């Protein structure tokens, strides 16, 4: 006798997905790539990309950032309004990924490739020599108000992490887009190395964290469920939950 659909759905959301295992594999791979970061980064920066090719790549590496997120939301609202509620899942996945990525940047404190210290990981208490206002100074990565900009925030790559979150979300909603969005996420990671913004291990850790966080949230529609929970407890106890619901 087949088990109820609700039970099988609950079991599937508890099981680690292939994406989650891929995330762990990428983080493990980052540890192996770490010693090669400097050589790979130096080789990447010898490539002379100019003209329209560079401009196109610089634009495409913004997949998962502000303007692309806004466009995705507008497209779903205009073309597939029945799935607009699923944007709550994306928002939750993005928010939790940011909560993992940004503190890690501050705690690791890795300098960007332009400083030429690929093996230097100062941690939260280590100091890094950095030029601020034309004067050399020693700074921690968490001294946000001291003019360090993001120069000490190389590990992990937030661009890559956010690109993977958006790819996971779009692939879940529209499976036919999977090859396209995976390709775009890969391109973001490659461009971050090509343009000297990150080391390869930074990119791998960013992608790995996103794959650990985003798939279970999107797969089980936890953003919609969270709003349901808050709405019933704070606004209307008799409200009908939006989850589980059938996508049109």
C-alpha atoms as a PDB file:
ATOM      1  CA  UNK A   1       0.000   0.000   0.000  1.00  0.00           C
ATOM      2  CA  UNK A   2       1.568   3.334  -1.028  1.00  0.00           C
ATOM      3  CA  UNK A   3       2.280   5.747   1.793  1.00  0.00           C
ATOM      4  CA  UNK A   4       0.365   9.035   1.913  1.00  0.00           C
ATOM      5  CA  UNK A   5       1.691  11.813  -0.275  1.00  0.00           C
ATOM      6  CA  UNK A   6       2.111  14.117   2.714  1.00  0.00           C
ATOM      7  CA  UNK A   7       4.277  11.535   4.477  1.00  0.00           C
ATOM      8  CA  UNK A   8       6.484  10.918   1.451  1.00  0.00           C
ATOM      9  CA  UNK A   9       6.850  14.661   0.940  1.00  0.00           C
ATOM     10  CA  UNK A  10       7.907  15.148   4.569  1.00  0.00           C
ATOM     11  CA  UNK A  11      10.442  12.307   4.317  1.00  0.00           C
ATOM     12  CA  UNK A  12      11.911  13.781   1.135  1.00  0.00           C
ATOM     13  CA  UNK A  13      12.432  17.158   2.800  1.00  0.00           C
ATOM     14  CA  UNK A  14      14.309  15.514   5.698  1.00  0.00           C
ATOM     15  CA  UNK A  15      16.696  13.540   3.514  1.00  0.00           C
ATOM     16  CA  UNK A  16      19.906  15.316   2.434  1.00  0.00           C
ATOM     17  CA  UNK A  17      19.649  16.180  -1.239  1.00  0.00           C
ATOM     18  CA  UNK A  18      22.371  15.602  -3.840  1.00  0.00           C
ATOM     19  CA  UNK A  19      22.877  19.382  -3.795  1.00  0.00           C
ATOM     20  CA  UNK A  20      23.673  19.262  -0.076  1.00  0.00           C
ATOM     21  CA  UNK A  21      26.230  16.509  -0.606  1.00  0.00           C
ATOM     22  CA  UNK A  22      27.673  18.576  -3.454  1.00  0.00           C
ATOM     23  CA  UNK A  23      28.012  21.495  -1.058  1.00  0.00           C
ATOM     24  CA  UNK A  24      30.039  19.406   1.372  1.00  0.00           C
ATOM     25  CA  UNK A  25      32.183  18.134  -1.491  1.00  0.00           C
ATOM     26  CA  UNK A  26      32.918  21.675  -2.702  1.00  0.00           C
ATOM     27  CA  UNK A  27      33.962  22.807   0.777  1.00  0.00           C
ATOM     28  CA  UNK A  28      36.229  19.762   1.084  1.00  0.00           C
ATOM     29  CA  UNK A  29      37.656  20.506  -2.366  1.00  0.00           C
ATOM     30  CA  UNK A  30      38.383  24.072  -1.273  1.00  0.00           C
ATOM     31  CA  UNK A  31      40.743  22.723   1.387  1.00  0.00           C
ATOM     32  CA  UNK A  32      42.677  20.874  -1.306  1.00  0.00           C
ATOM     33  CA  UNK A  33      42.716  23.806  -3.705  1.00  0.00           C
ATOM     34  CA  UNK A  34      43.874  26.248  -1.021  1.00  0.00           C
ATOM     35  CA  UNK A  35      47.581  25.612  -1.571  1.00  0.00           C
ATOM     36  CA  UNK A  36      47.133  26.280  -5.299  1.00  0.00           C
ATOM     37  CA  UNK A  37      45.168  29.484  -4.868  1.00  0.00           C
ATOM     38  CA  UNK A  38      48.070  31.801  -5.535  1.00  0.00           C
ATOM     39  CA  UNK A  39      49.226  30.050  -8.701  1.00  0.00           C
ATOM     40  CA  UNK A  40      45.722  29.774 -10.149  1.00  0.00           C
ATOM     41  CA  UNK A  41      44.906  33.376  -9.313  1.00  0.00           C
ATOM     42  CA  UNK A  42      48.135  34.643 -10.857  1.00  0.00           C
ATOM     43  CA  UNK A  43      47.526  32.627 -14.014  1.00  0.00           C
ATOM     44  CA  UNK A  44      43.955  33.873 -14.289  1.00  0.00           C
ATOM     45  CA  UNK A  45      45.025  37.489 -14.036  1.00  0.00           C
ATOM     46  CA  UNK A  46      47.480  37.099 -16.919  1.00  0.00           C
ATOM     47  CA  UNK A  47      44.505  36.694 -19.249  1.00  0.00           C
ATOM     48  CA  UNK A  48      43.902  39.994 -20.978  1.00  0.00           C
ATOM     49  CA  UNK A  49      40.169  40.428 -21.251  1.00  0.00           C
ATOM     50  CA  UNK A  50      39.112  43.707 -22.752  1.00  0.00           C
ATOM     51  CA  UNK A  51      36.454  45.474 -24.744  1.00  0.00           C
ATOM     52  CA  UNK A  52      32.972  44.061 -25.047  1.00  0.00           C
ATOM     53  CA  UNK A  53      33.989  40.625 -23.751  1.00  0.00           C
ATOM     54  CA  UNK A  54      35.125  42.060 -20.436  1.00  0.00           C
ATOM     55  CA  UNK A  55      32.043  44.262 -20.141  1.00  0.00           C
ATOM     56  CA  UNK A  56      29.731  41.338 -20.867  1.00  0.00           C
ATOM     57  CA  UNK A  57      31.447  39.119 -18.306  1.00  0.00           C
ATOM     58  CA  UNK A  58      31.380  41.876 -15.696  1.00  0.00           C
ATOM     59  CA  UNK A  59      27.634  42.213 -16.256  1.00  0.00           C
ATOM     60  CA  UNK A  60      26.979  38.467 -16.155  1.00  0.00           C
ATOM     61  CA  UNK A  61      28.900  38.063 -12.901  1.00  0.00           C
ATOM     62  CA  UNK A  62      26.148  40.123 -11.276  1.00  0.00           C
ATOM     63  CA  UNK A  63      23.747  37.183 -11.590  1.00  0.00           C
ATOM     64  CA  UNK A  64      22.354  36.792  -8.079  1.00  0.00           C
ATOM     65  CA  UNK A  65      22.904  40.444  -7.177  1.00  0.00           C
ATOM     66  CA  UNK A  66      20.484  43.368  -6.879  1.00  0.00           C
ATOM     67  CA  UNK A  67      19.355  44.126 -10.436  1.00  0.00           C
ATOM     68  CA  UNK A  68      19.121  40.480 -11.487  1.00  0.00           C
ATOM     69  CA  UNK A  69      17.094  39.647  -8.365  1.00  0.00           C
ATOM     70  CA  UNK A  70      14.696  42.491  -9.122  1.00  0.00           C
ATOM     71  CA  UNK A  71      14.300  41.321 -12.725  1.00  0.00           C
ATOM     72  CA  UNK A  72      13.613  37.739 -11.638  1.00  0.00           C
ATOM     73  CA  UNK A  73      10.930  38.936  -9.207  1.00  0.00           C
ATOM     74  CA  UNK A  74       9.328  41.119 -11.883  1.00  0.00           C
ATOM     75  CA  UNK A  75       9.368  38.309 -14.457  1.00  0.00           C
ATOM     76  CA  UNK A  76       7.720  35.855 -12.061  1.00  0.00           C
ATOM     77  CA  UNK A  77       5.137  38.466 -11.046  1.00  0.00           C
ATOM     78  CA  UNK A  78       4.337  39.273 -14.701  1.00  0.00           C
ATOM     79  CA  UNK A  79       4.542  35.807 -16.269  1.00  0.00           C
ATOM     80  CA  UNK A  80       3.754  33.370 -13.454  1.00  0.00           C
ATOM     81  CA  UNK A  81       1.857  35.243 -10.698  1.00  0.00           C
ATOM     82  CA  UNK A  82       0.612  31.997  -9.148  1.00  0.00           C
ATOM     83  CA  UNK A  83       4.153  31.283  -7.984  1.00  0.00           C
ATOM     84  CA  UNK A  84       4.857  34.710  -6.510  1.00  0.00           C
ATOM     85  CA  UNK A  85       4.477  33.292  -2.999  1.00  0.00           C
ATOM     86  CA  UNK A  86       7.518  31.098  -3.676  1.00  0.00           C
ATOM     87  CA  UNK A  87       9.630  34.253  -3.624  1.00  0.00           C
ATOM     88  CA  UNK A  88       9.319  33.928   0.152  1.00  0.00           C
ATOM     89  CA  UNK A  89      11.358  30.726  -0.088  1.00  0.00           C
ATOM     90  CA  UNK A  90      14.005  32.543  -2.112  1.00  0.00           C
ATOM     91  CA  UNK A  91      14.088  35.425   0.377  1.00  0.00           C
ATOM     92  CA  UNK A  92      14.573  33.049   3.307  1.00  0.00           C
ATOM     93  CA  UNK A  93      17.289  31.066   1.502  1.00  0.00           C
ATOM     94  CA  UNK A  94      19.057  34.268   0.531  1.00  0.00           C
ATOM     95  CA  UNK A  95      18.805  35.727   4.021  1.00  0.00           C
ATOM     96  CA  UNK A  96      20.159  32.635   5.757  1.00  0.00           C
ATOM     97  CA  UNK A  97      22.976  32.335   3.226  1.00  0.00           C
ATOM     98  CA  UNK A  98      23.937  35.941   3.884  1.00  0.00           C
ATOM     99  CA  UNK A  99      23.896  35.234   7.633  1.00  0.00           C
ATOM    100  CA  UNK A 100      26.403  32.442   7.020  1.00  0.00           C
ATOM    101  CA  UNK A 101      28.605  34.192   4.458  1.00  0.00           C
ATOM    102  CA  UNK A 102      29.007  37.695   5.882  1.00  0.00           C
ATOM    103  CA  UNK A 103      30.067  36.724   9.442  1.00  0.00           C
ATOM    104  CA  UNK A 104      32.493  34.209   7.943  1.00  0.00           C
ATOM    105  CA  UNK A 105      34.110  36.983   5.896  1.00  0.00           C
ATOM    106  CA  UNK A 106      34.614  39.016   9.068  1.00  0.00           C
ATOM    107  CA  UNK A 107      35.953  36.085  11.086  1.00  0.00           C
ATOM    108  CA  UNK A 108      38.317  34.688   8.437  1.00  0.00           C
ATOM    109  CA  UNK A 109      39.650  38.086   7.335  1.00  0.00           C
ATOM    110  CA  UNK A 110      41.368  36.840   4.205  1.00  0.00           C
ATOM    111  CA  UNK A 111      42.901  39.618   2.064  1.00  0.00           C
ATOM    112  CA  UNK A 112      41.824  39.935  -1.558  1.00  0.00           C
ATOM    113  CA  UNK A 113      44.147  38.518  -4.242  1.00  0.00           C
ATOM    114  CA  UNK A 114      45.491  41.997  -5.086  1.00  0.00           C
ATOM    115  CA  UNK A 115      47.485  41.922  -1.830  1.00  0.00           C
ATOM    116  CA  UNK A 116      49.381  38.810  -2.890  1.00  0.00           C
ATOM    117  CA  UNK A 117      49.049  36.853   0.385  1.00  0.00           C
ATOM    118  CA  UNK A 118      47.140  33.729  -0.748  1.00  0.00           C
ATOM    119  CA  UNK A 119      48.041  31.624   2.307  1.00  0.00           C
ATOM    120  CA  UNK A 120      47.449  34.342   4.901  1.00  0.00           C
ATOM    121  CA  UNK A 121      44.346  33.705   7.017  1.00  0.00           C
ATOM    122  CA  UNK A 122      44.553  36.079  10.004  1.00  0.00           C
ATOM    123  CA  UNK A 123      41.298  35.029  11.651  1.00  0.00           C
ATOM    124  CA  UNK A 124      39.239  37.364  13.860  1.00  0.00           C
ATOM    125  CA  UNK A 125      42.199  38.523  15.980  1.00  0.00           C
ATOM    126  CA  UNK A 126      44.922  38.780  13.331  1.00  0.00           C
ATOM    127  CA  UNK A 127      45.928  42.082  11.770  1.00  0.00           C
ATOM    128  CA  UNK A 128      46.533  42.745   8.079  1.00  0.00           C
ATOM    129  CA  UNK A 129      48.625  45.602   6.626  1.00  0.00           C
ATOM    130  CA  UNK A 130      46.358  47.700   4.423  1.00  0.00           C
ATOM    131  CA  UNK A 131      46.655  51.169   2.906  1.00  0.00           C
ATOM    132  CA  UNK A 132      43.924  53.593   3.950  1.00  0.00           C
ATOM    133  CA  UNK A 133      44.000  57.163   2.703  1.00  0.00           C
ATOM    134  CA  UNK A 134      47.501  56.653   1.361  1.00  0.00           C
ATOM    135  CA  UNK A 135      48.881  55.496   4.703  1.00  0.00           C
ATOM    136  CA  UNK A 136      49.751  51.897   5.687  1.00  0.00           C
ATOM    137  CA  UNK A 137      47.771  50.655   8.664  1.00  0.00           C
ATOM    138  CA  UNK A 138      47.081  47.382  10.457  1.00  0.00           C
ATOM    139  CA  UNK A 139      43.415  46.400  10.516  1.00  0.00           C
ATOM    140  CA  UNK A 140      41.083  43.545  11.463  1.00  0.00           C
ATOM    141  CA  UNK A 141      38.518  42.415   8.900  1.00  0.00           C
ATOM    142  CA  UNK A 142      35.670  43.299  11.248  1.00  0.00           C
ATOM    143  CA  UNK A 143      36.707  46.955  11.533  1.00  0.00           C
ATOM    144  CA  UNK A 144      34.029  47.923   9.038  1.00  0.00           C
ATOM    145  CA  UNK A 145      34.029  51.623   9.875  1.00  0.00           C
ATOM    146  CA  UNK A 146      37.786  52.065   9.537  1.00  0.00           C
ATOM    147  CA  UNK A 147      37.942  52.315   5.748  1.00  0.00           C
ATOM    148  CA  UNK A 148      38.914  48.733   4.931  1.00  0.00           C
ATOM    149  CA  UNK A 149      36.051  48.518   2.406  1.00  0.00           C
ATOM    150  CA  UNK A 150      35.811  44.812   1.508  1.00  0.00           C
ATOM    151  CA  UNK A 151      39.551  44.331   0.982  1.00  0.00           C
ATOM    152  CA  UNK A 152      39.784  41.779   3.804  1.00  0.00           C
ATOM    153  CA  UNK A 153      36.607  39.890   2.923  1.00  0.00           C
ATOM    154  CA  UNK A 154      37.849  37.431   0.320  1.00  0.00           C
ATOM    155  CA  UNK A 155      36.694  34.188   1.991  1.00  0.00           C
ATOM    156  CA  UNK A 156      34.047  33.131   1.049  1.00  0.00           C
ATOM    157  CA  UNK A 157      32.765  34.628  -2.206  1.00  0.00           C
ATOM    158  CA  UNK A 158      29.361  36.171  -1.550  1.00  0.00           C
ATOM    159  CA  UNK A 159      28.776  36.802  -5.273  1.00  0.00           C
ATOM    160  CA  UNK A 160      29.145  33.081  -5.915  1.00  0.00           C
ATOM    161  CA  UNK A 161      27.003  32.106  -2.944  1.00  0.00           C
ATOM    162  CA  UNK A 162      24.152  34.389  -3.973  1.00  0.00           C
ATOM    163  CA  UNK A 163      24.378  33.246  -7.595  1.00  0.00           C
ATOM    164  CA  UNK A 164      24.026  29.631  -6.452  1.00  0.00           C
ATOM    165  CA  UNK A 165      21.018  30.494  -4.271  1.00  0.00           C
ATOM    166  CA  UNK A 166      19.265  32.125  -7.217  1.00  0.00           C
ATOM    167  CA  UNK A 167      20.164  29.180  -9.460  1.00  0.00           C
ATOM    168  CA  UNK A 168      18.782  26.697  -6.906  1.00  0.00           C
ATOM    169  CA  UNK A 169      15.541  28.663  -6.643  1.00  0.00           C
ATOM    170  CA  UNK A 170      14.984  29.042 -10.383  1.00  0.00           C
ATOM    171  CA  UNK A 171      15.922  25.429 -11.103  1.00  0.00           C
ATOM    172  CA  UNK A 172      13.369  24.255  -8.519  1.00  0.00           C
ATOM    173  CA  UNK A 173      10.570  26.387  -9.941  1.00  0.00           C
ATOM    174  CA  UNK A 174      11.432  25.904 -13.601  1.00  0.00           C
ATOM    175  CA  UNK A 175      13.387  22.670 -14.166  1.00  0.00           C
ATOM    176  CA  UNK A 176      13.887  23.421 -17.874  1.00  0.00           C
ATOM    177  CA  UNK A 177      16.035  26.391 -16.839  1.00  0.00           C
ATOM    178  CA  UNK A 178      18.396  24.187 -14.827  1.00  0.00           C
ATOM    179  CA  UNK A 179      21.267  24.030 -17.378  1.00  0.00           C
ATOM    180  CA  UNK A 180      21.083  27.782 -17.957  1.00  0.00           C
ATOM    181  CA  UNK A 181      21.088  28.865 -14.314  1.00  0.00           C
ATOM    182  CA  UNK A 182      23.770  26.345 -13.360  1.00  0.00           C
ATOM    183  CA  UNK A 183      25.901  27.714 -16.191  1.00  0.00           C
ATOM    184  CA  UNK A 184      25.359  31.265 -14.977  1.00  0.00           C
ATOM    185  CA  UNK A 185      26.328  30.357 -11.412  1.00  0.00           C
ATOM    186  CA  UNK A 186      29.488  28.657 -12.695  1.00  0.00           C
ATOM    187  CA  UNK A 187      30.288  31.718 -14.773  1.00  0.00           C
ATOM    188  CA  UNK A 188      29.966  33.970 -11.740  1.00  0.00           C
ATOM    189  CA  UNK A 189      32.492  31.887  -9.817  1.00  0.00           C
ATOM    190  CA  UNK A 190      34.929  31.835 -12.741  1.00  0.00           C
ATOM    191  CA  UNK A 191      34.632  35.584 -13.251  1.00  0.00           C
ATOM    192  CA  UNK A 192      35.343  36.307  -9.591  1.00  0.00           C
ATOM    193  CA  UNK A 193      38.695  34.568 -10.045  1.00  0.00           C
ATOM    194  CA  UNK A 194      39.381  36.019 -13.509  1.00  0.00           C
ATOM    195  CA  UNK A 195      38.845  39.566 -12.306  1.00  0.00           C
ATOM    196  CA  UNK A 196      40.989  39.112  -9.196  1.00  0.00           C
ATOM    197  CA  UNK A 197      38.171  39.503  -6.686  1.00  0.00           C
ATOM    198  CA  UNK A 198      38.581  36.039  -5.109  1.00  0.00           C
ATOM    199  CA  UNK A 199      40.772  32.981  -4.921  1.00  0.00           C
ATOM    200  CA  UNK A 200      39.385  29.665  -6.229  1.00  0.00           C
ATOM    201  CA  UNK A 201      38.897  28.302  -2.688  1.00  0.00           C
ATOM    202  CA  UNK A 202      36.824  31.379  -1.812  1.00  0.00           C
ATOM    203  CA  UNK A 203      34.516  30.582  -4.693  1.00  0.00           C
ATOM    204  CA  UNK A 204      34.233  26.916  -3.759  1.00  0.00           C
ATOM    205  CA  UNK A 205      33.374  27.673  -0.132  1.00  0.00           C
ATOM    206  CA  UNK A 206      30.779  30.264  -1.181  1.00  0.00           C
ATOM    207  CA  UNK A 207      29.114  27.808  -3.549  1.00  0.00           C
ATOM    208  CA  UNK A 208      29.311  25.013  -0.985  1.00  0.00           C
ATOM    209  CA  UNK A 209      27.623  27.045   1.741  1.00  0.00           C
ATOM    210  CA  UNK A 210      24.820  28.049  -0.623  1.00  0.00           C
ATOM    211  CA  UNK A 211      24.241  24.430  -1.648  1.00  0.00           C
ATOM    212  CA  UNK A 212      24.018  23.392   1.993  1.00  0.00           C
ATOM    213  CA  UNK A 213      21.541  26.118   2.912  1.00  0.00           C
ATOM    214  CA  UNK A 214      19.314  26.870  -0.073  1.00  0.00           C
ATOM    215  CA  UNK A 215      18.079  23.475  -1.413  1.00  0.00           C
ATOM    216  CA  UNK A 216      16.253  22.255   1.726  1.00  0.00           C
ATOM    217  CA  UNK A 217      14.612  25.657   2.175  1.00  0.00           C
ATOM    218  CA  UNK A 218      13.397  25.880  -1.412  1.00  0.00           C
ATOM    219  CA  UNK A 219      12.515  22.192  -1.671  1.00  0.00           C
ATOM    220  CA  UNK A 220      10.256  22.265   1.390  1.00  0.00           C
ATOM    221  CA  UNK A 221       8.936  25.805   0.814  1.00  0.00           C
ATOM    222  CA  UNK A 222      10.074  26.933   4.243  1.00  0.00           C
ATOM    223  CA  UNK A 223       9.676  30.608   3.429  1.00  0.00           C
ATOM    224  CA  UNK A 224       5.968  30.190   2.712  1.00  0.00           C
ATOM    225  CA  UNK A 225       5.562  27.987   5.767  1.00  0.00           C
ATOM    226  CA  UNK A 226       7.324  30.537   7.980  1.00  0.00           C
ATOM    227  CA  UNK A 227       4.926  33.276   6.884  1.00  0.00           C
ATOM    228  CA  UNK A 228       1.991  30.905   7.472  1.00  0.00           C
ATOM    229  CA  UNK A 229       3.235  30.233  10.996  1.00  0.00           C
ATOM    230  CA  UNK A 230       3.673  33.927  11.778  1.00  0.00           C
ATOM    231  CA  UNK A 231       0.334  34.888  10.205  1.00  0.00           C
ATOM    232  CA  UNK A 232      -1.676  32.299  12.139  1.00  0.00           C
ATOM    233  CA  UNK A 233      -0.062  33.218  15.447  1.00  0.00           C
ATOM    234  CA  UNK A 234       0.073  36.989  15.077  1.00  0.00           C
ATOM    235  CA  UNK A 235      -2.700  38.011  12.663  1.00  0.00           C
ATOM    236  CA  UNK A 236      -5.482  35.493  12.008  1.00  0.00           C
ATOM    237  CA  UNK A 237      -5.698  32.200  13.900  1.00  0.00           C
ATOM    238  CA  UNK A 238      -8.329  30.913  11.467  1.00  0.00           C
ATOM    239  CA  UNK A 239      -6.366  31.660   8.305  1.00  0.00           C
ATOM    240  CA  UNK A 240      -5.894  28.880   5.754  1.00  0.00           C
ATOM    241  CA  UNK A 241      -2.169  28.180   5.270  1.00  0.00           C
ATOM    242  CA  UNK A 242      -0.726  28.744   1.804  1.00  0.00           C
ATOM    243  CA  UNK A 243       1.451  25.647   2.219  1.00  0.00           C
ATOM    244  CA  UNK A 244       1.145  22.955   1.087  1.00  0.00           C
ATOM    245  CA  UNK A 245      -0.153  24.313  -2.164  1.00  0.00           C
ATOM    246  CA  UNK A 246      -0.131  23.210  -5.749  1.00  0.00           C
ATOM    247  CA  UNK A 247       1.865  25.333  -8.152  1.00  0.00           C
ATOM    248  CA  UNK A 248      -0.208  26.167 -11.220  1.00  0.00           C
END
